[in-house]
Protein backbone atom coordinates (compact mmCIF):
# COMPACT_ATOMS: atom_id res chain seq x y z
CA MET A 1 0.14 -7.73 -13.65
CA VAL A 2 -1.15 -4.97 -11.40
CA ILE A 3 -1.00 -7.35 -8.46
CA TYR A 4 2.70 -8.01 -9.03
CA GLY A 5 3.43 -4.30 -9.23
CA THR A 6 1.46 -3.75 -6.06
CA ILE A 7 3.37 -6.49 -4.28
CA PHE A 8 6.65 -4.84 -5.17
CA LEU A 9 5.35 -1.49 -4.00
CA ILE A 10 4.33 -2.99 -0.70
CA MET A 11 7.64 -4.79 -0.34
CA THR A 12 9.33 -1.42 -0.69
CA LEU A 13 7.05 0.00 1.97
CA LEU A 14 7.74 -3.00 4.20
CA ILE A 15 11.48 -2.48 3.93
CA LEU A 16 11.10 1.25 4.48
CA TYR A 17 8.80 0.96 7.47
CA SER A 18 9.86 -2.31 9.05
CA SER A 19 12.71 -3.26 11.32
CA ASN A 20 16.28 -3.39 10.10
CA SER A 21 16.49 -7.12 10.66
CA SER A 22 15.05 -9.19 7.85
CA ALA A 23 14.57 -12.05 10.31
CA ASP A 24 12.11 -9.88 12.23
CA LEU A 25 9.90 -9.38 9.19
CA TYR A 26 8.23 -12.75 9.38
CA SER A 27 8.99 -13.96 12.88
CA SER A 28 5.79 -13.12 14.73
CA PHE A 29 3.07 -13.22 12.10
CA LYS A 30 1.22 -16.50 11.59
CA VAL A 31 -0.07 -15.80 8.08
CA SER A 32 3.51 -15.72 6.80
CA GLU A 33 3.65 -19.47 7.41
CA PHE A 34 1.22 -19.88 4.52
CA HIS A 35 2.71 -17.50 1.94
CA HIS A 36 6.35 -16.78 2.64
CA THR A 37 8.52 -16.48 -0.45
CA VAL A 38 12.24 -15.76 -0.33
CA LYS A 39 13.61 -13.57 -3.14
CA ASN A 40 17.24 -12.87 -3.93
CA THR A 41 16.58 -9.22 -4.78
CA ASN A 42 17.88 -6.73 -2.24
CA LEU A 43 14.75 -4.62 -1.81
CA LYS A 44 16.51 -2.10 0.43
CA LYS A 45 18.08 -0.55 -2.65
CA TRP A 46 14.54 0.04 -3.98
CA ALA A 47 13.29 1.62 -0.77
CA GLY A 48 13.38 5.23 0.25
CA LYS A 49 11.09 8.07 1.14
CA GLU A 50 11.63 9.84 -2.16
CA GLY A 51 9.09 9.16 -4.85
CA TYR A 52 5.97 9.80 -2.78
CA LEU A 53 4.45 13.03 -4.07
CA PRO A 54 1.77 14.81 -2.03
CA VAL A 55 -1.49 15.24 -3.91
CA TYR A 56 -2.51 18.35 -1.99
CA GLY A 57 -0.37 20.61 0.17
CA ASN A 58 3.22 19.93 1.12
CA LYS A 59 2.86 16.83 3.26
CA SER A 60 5.66 14.32 3.33
CA MET A 61 5.73 10.57 3.83
CA ASN A 62 7.26 10.22 7.28
CA LEU A 63 5.61 7.13 8.73
CA HIS A 64 8.10 4.75 10.30
CA CYS A 65 7.18 1.39 11.79
CA HIS A 66 9.23 -1.35 13.36
CA GLN A 67 6.65 -4.04 12.67
CA CYS A 68 4.06 -4.07 9.88
CA ALA A 69 1.25 -6.29 8.74
CA LEU A 70 0.59 -6.32 5.01
CA VAL A 71 -2.98 -7.30 4.18
CA THR A 72 -3.50 -7.84 0.47
CA SER A 73 -6.66 -7.86 -1.61
CA SER A 74 -6.80 -11.59 -1.34
CA SER A 75 -8.92 -14.25 0.27
CA HIS A 76 -5.83 -16.14 1.49
CA VAL A 77 -6.28 -14.97 5.08
CA LEU A 78 -9.99 -15.79 5.31
CA GLY A 79 -10.59 -18.42 7.96
CA THR A 80 -7.22 -17.84 9.67
CA HIS A 81 -8.62 -15.79 12.59
CA VAL A 82 -5.48 -13.62 12.77
CA GLY A 83 -7.37 -10.31 12.85
CA ASP A 84 -6.40 -9.53 16.44
CA GLU A 85 -2.77 -10.27 15.66
CA ILE A 86 -2.87 -8.00 12.61
CA ASP A 87 -4.40 -5.20 14.68
CA ARG A 88 -1.63 -5.53 17.31
CA THR A 89 1.12 -4.67 14.82
CA GLU A 90 2.44 -1.15 14.85
CA CYS A 91 1.36 -0.42 11.27
CA VAL A 92 -1.22 -2.14 9.09
CA ILE A 93 -0.83 -1.68 5.34
CA ARG A 94 -3.86 -2.60 3.26
CA MET A 95 -4.22 -2.94 -0.48
CA ASN A 96 -6.75 -1.36 -2.84
CA ASP A 97 -10.37 -1.74 -1.77
CA ALA A 98 -9.96 -4.84 0.39
CA PRO A 99 -12.71 -4.48 3.03
CA THR A 100 -12.41 -4.96 6.76
CA SER A 101 -16.14 -4.75 7.58
CA GLY A 102 -17.46 -8.25 8.13
CA TYR A 103 -13.98 -9.80 8.01
CA ALA A 104 -12.33 -8.33 11.13
CA SER A 105 -11.75 -11.71 12.78
CA ASP A 106 -9.57 -12.73 9.82
CA VAL A 107 -8.08 -9.47 8.50
CA GLY A 108 -8.30 -7.12 11.46
CA ASN A 109 -9.87 -3.71 11.50
CA ARG A 110 -7.03 -1.17 11.81
CA THR A 111 -5.46 0.50 8.78
CA SER A 112 -2.39 2.74 8.93
CA VAL A 113 -1.72 3.06 5.21
CA ARG A 114 -3.84 2.04 2.25
CA VAL A 115 -2.10 1.52 -1.09
CA VAL A 116 -4.51 1.95 -4.00
CA ALA A 117 -3.84 1.02 -7.63
CA HIS A 118 -5.18 3.37 -10.27
CA SER A 119 -7.71 0.70 -11.24
CA SER A 120 -9.21 0.71 -7.71
CA VAL A 121 -9.53 4.46 -7.14
CA TYR A 122 -13.22 4.67 -8.06
CA ARG A 123 -14.11 1.73 -5.80
CA VAL A 124 -12.33 3.35 -2.84
CA VAL A 125 -13.95 6.75 -3.44
CA ARG A 126 -17.44 5.22 -3.69
CA LYS A 127 -17.18 3.83 -0.14
CA PRO A 128 -15.91 6.70 2.01
CA ALA A 129 -17.19 5.20 5.26
CA GLU A 130 -15.03 2.12 4.71
CA PHE A 131 -11.92 3.76 3.27
CA LEU A 132 -11.80 7.52 3.91
CA ASN A 133 -13.82 8.43 7.02
CA ARG A 134 -11.59 6.47 9.37
CA SER A 135 -9.49 7.99 12.12
CA ASP A 136 -6.91 5.18 12.09
CA ILE A 137 -5.70 5.77 8.50
CA SER A 138 -2.80 8.22 8.23
CA ALA A 139 -2.01 7.96 4.51
CA ILE A 140 -3.35 6.71 1.22
CA ILE A 141 -0.86 6.05 -1.56
CA PHE A 142 -2.12 5.94 -5.13
CA TRP A 143 0.06 4.25 -7.69
CA GLY A 144 -0.03 3.47 -11.36
CA PRO A 145 1.20 4.78 -14.68
CA SER A 146 1.72 8.54 -14.80
CA SER A 147 -0.60 8.64 -17.80
CA LYS A 148 -3.39 7.66 -15.39
CA ILE A 149 -2.52 9.34 -12.08
CA GLY A 150 0.25 11.81 -12.90
CA ARG A 151 -0.22 15.53 -12.38
CA ASP A 152 0.14 16.10 -16.12
CA SER A 153 -2.27 13.37 -17.16
CA LYS A 154 -5.17 14.42 -19.33
CA GLY A 155 -7.62 12.06 -17.63
CA THR A 156 -9.97 12.79 -14.78
CA LEU A 157 -8.44 10.32 -12.33
CA TYR A 158 -5.81 12.68 -10.91
CA ARG A 159 -8.37 15.47 -10.58
CA LEU A 160 -10.64 13.06 -8.68
CA ILE A 161 -7.75 12.15 -6.37
CA GLN A 162 -7.10 15.88 -5.82
CA ARG A 163 -10.74 16.56 -4.92
CA VAL A 164 -10.79 13.62 -2.53
CA SER A 165 -7.56 14.78 -0.85
CA MET A 166 -9.00 18.28 -0.35
CA THR A 167 -12.25 16.85 1.05
CA TYR A 168 -10.52 14.47 3.48
CA SER A 169 -7.75 16.80 4.64
CA ASN A 170 -7.25 14.74 7.82
CA LEU A 171 -5.54 12.11 5.62
CA SER A 172 -2.28 12.41 3.70
CA PHE A 173 -2.65 11.47 0.04
CA PHE A 174 0.34 10.61 -2.12
CA VAL A 175 0.98 9.44 -5.66
CA ILE A 176 4.05 7.52 -6.74
CA SER A 177 6.42 9.59 -8.88
CA PRO A 178 7.09 8.47 -12.46
CA SER A 179 10.73 7.69 -11.60
CA LYS A 180 9.68 5.48 -8.67
CA MET A 181 7.13 3.71 -10.89
CA GLN A 182 9.89 3.10 -13.44
CA LYS A 183 11.97 1.50 -10.69
CA PHE A 184 9.03 -0.73 -9.76
CA ASP A 185 8.51 -1.65 -13.42
CA THR A 186 12.20 -2.53 -13.74
CA LEU A 187 12.07 -4.65 -10.60
CA PHE A 188 8.90 -6.37 -11.80
CA GLN A 189 10.49 -7.21 -15.15
CA LYS A 190 13.66 -8.45 -13.44
CA GLU A 191 11.70 -10.69 -11.08
CA THR A 192 9.15 -12.05 -13.54
CA GLY A 193 10.81 -11.72 -16.94
CA ARG A 194 7.70 -9.91 -18.16
CA ASP A 195 6.97 -6.30 -18.98
CA ARG A 196 4.13 -4.92 -16.90
């Protein structure tokens, strides 16, 4: 279920940060030949810069790309040797704790934005050299239920995210607002017929 929610989050980011032409989204990227799915949902109505709350400070999400590569936490691209092509795109969006070390020929090495589900936060924090001490990453977006990562949550996860964002002040850290998560949940239920 988390994977479907993540996919919809990334689709929103793709619409927000990609070109205005939907034909351009898949035209130059070989991996899309393997896993291209057409949906009837107009994702542009789900996009927007609102809903990305800074974890520390008053940073805002202002990254804009004309061409993006979305690299998921999946083994589907292994053996494709499209790493150089991924690295040539303007922005590279990576999911969760998907590594690049040792897989660069298939998945590339650059990362512009990393989107991390609440269930992957600890794995990302435990490997700062791979995920946090990189000069090419401009933002990390944490997403999940507000009970897990919201500012008012009683758990330790949000406090951990805060400490990490203060430690790595060269990066911009964001969480998804509860209203944006509700939109993603609604979209997920509409697309799958299941409640996340």
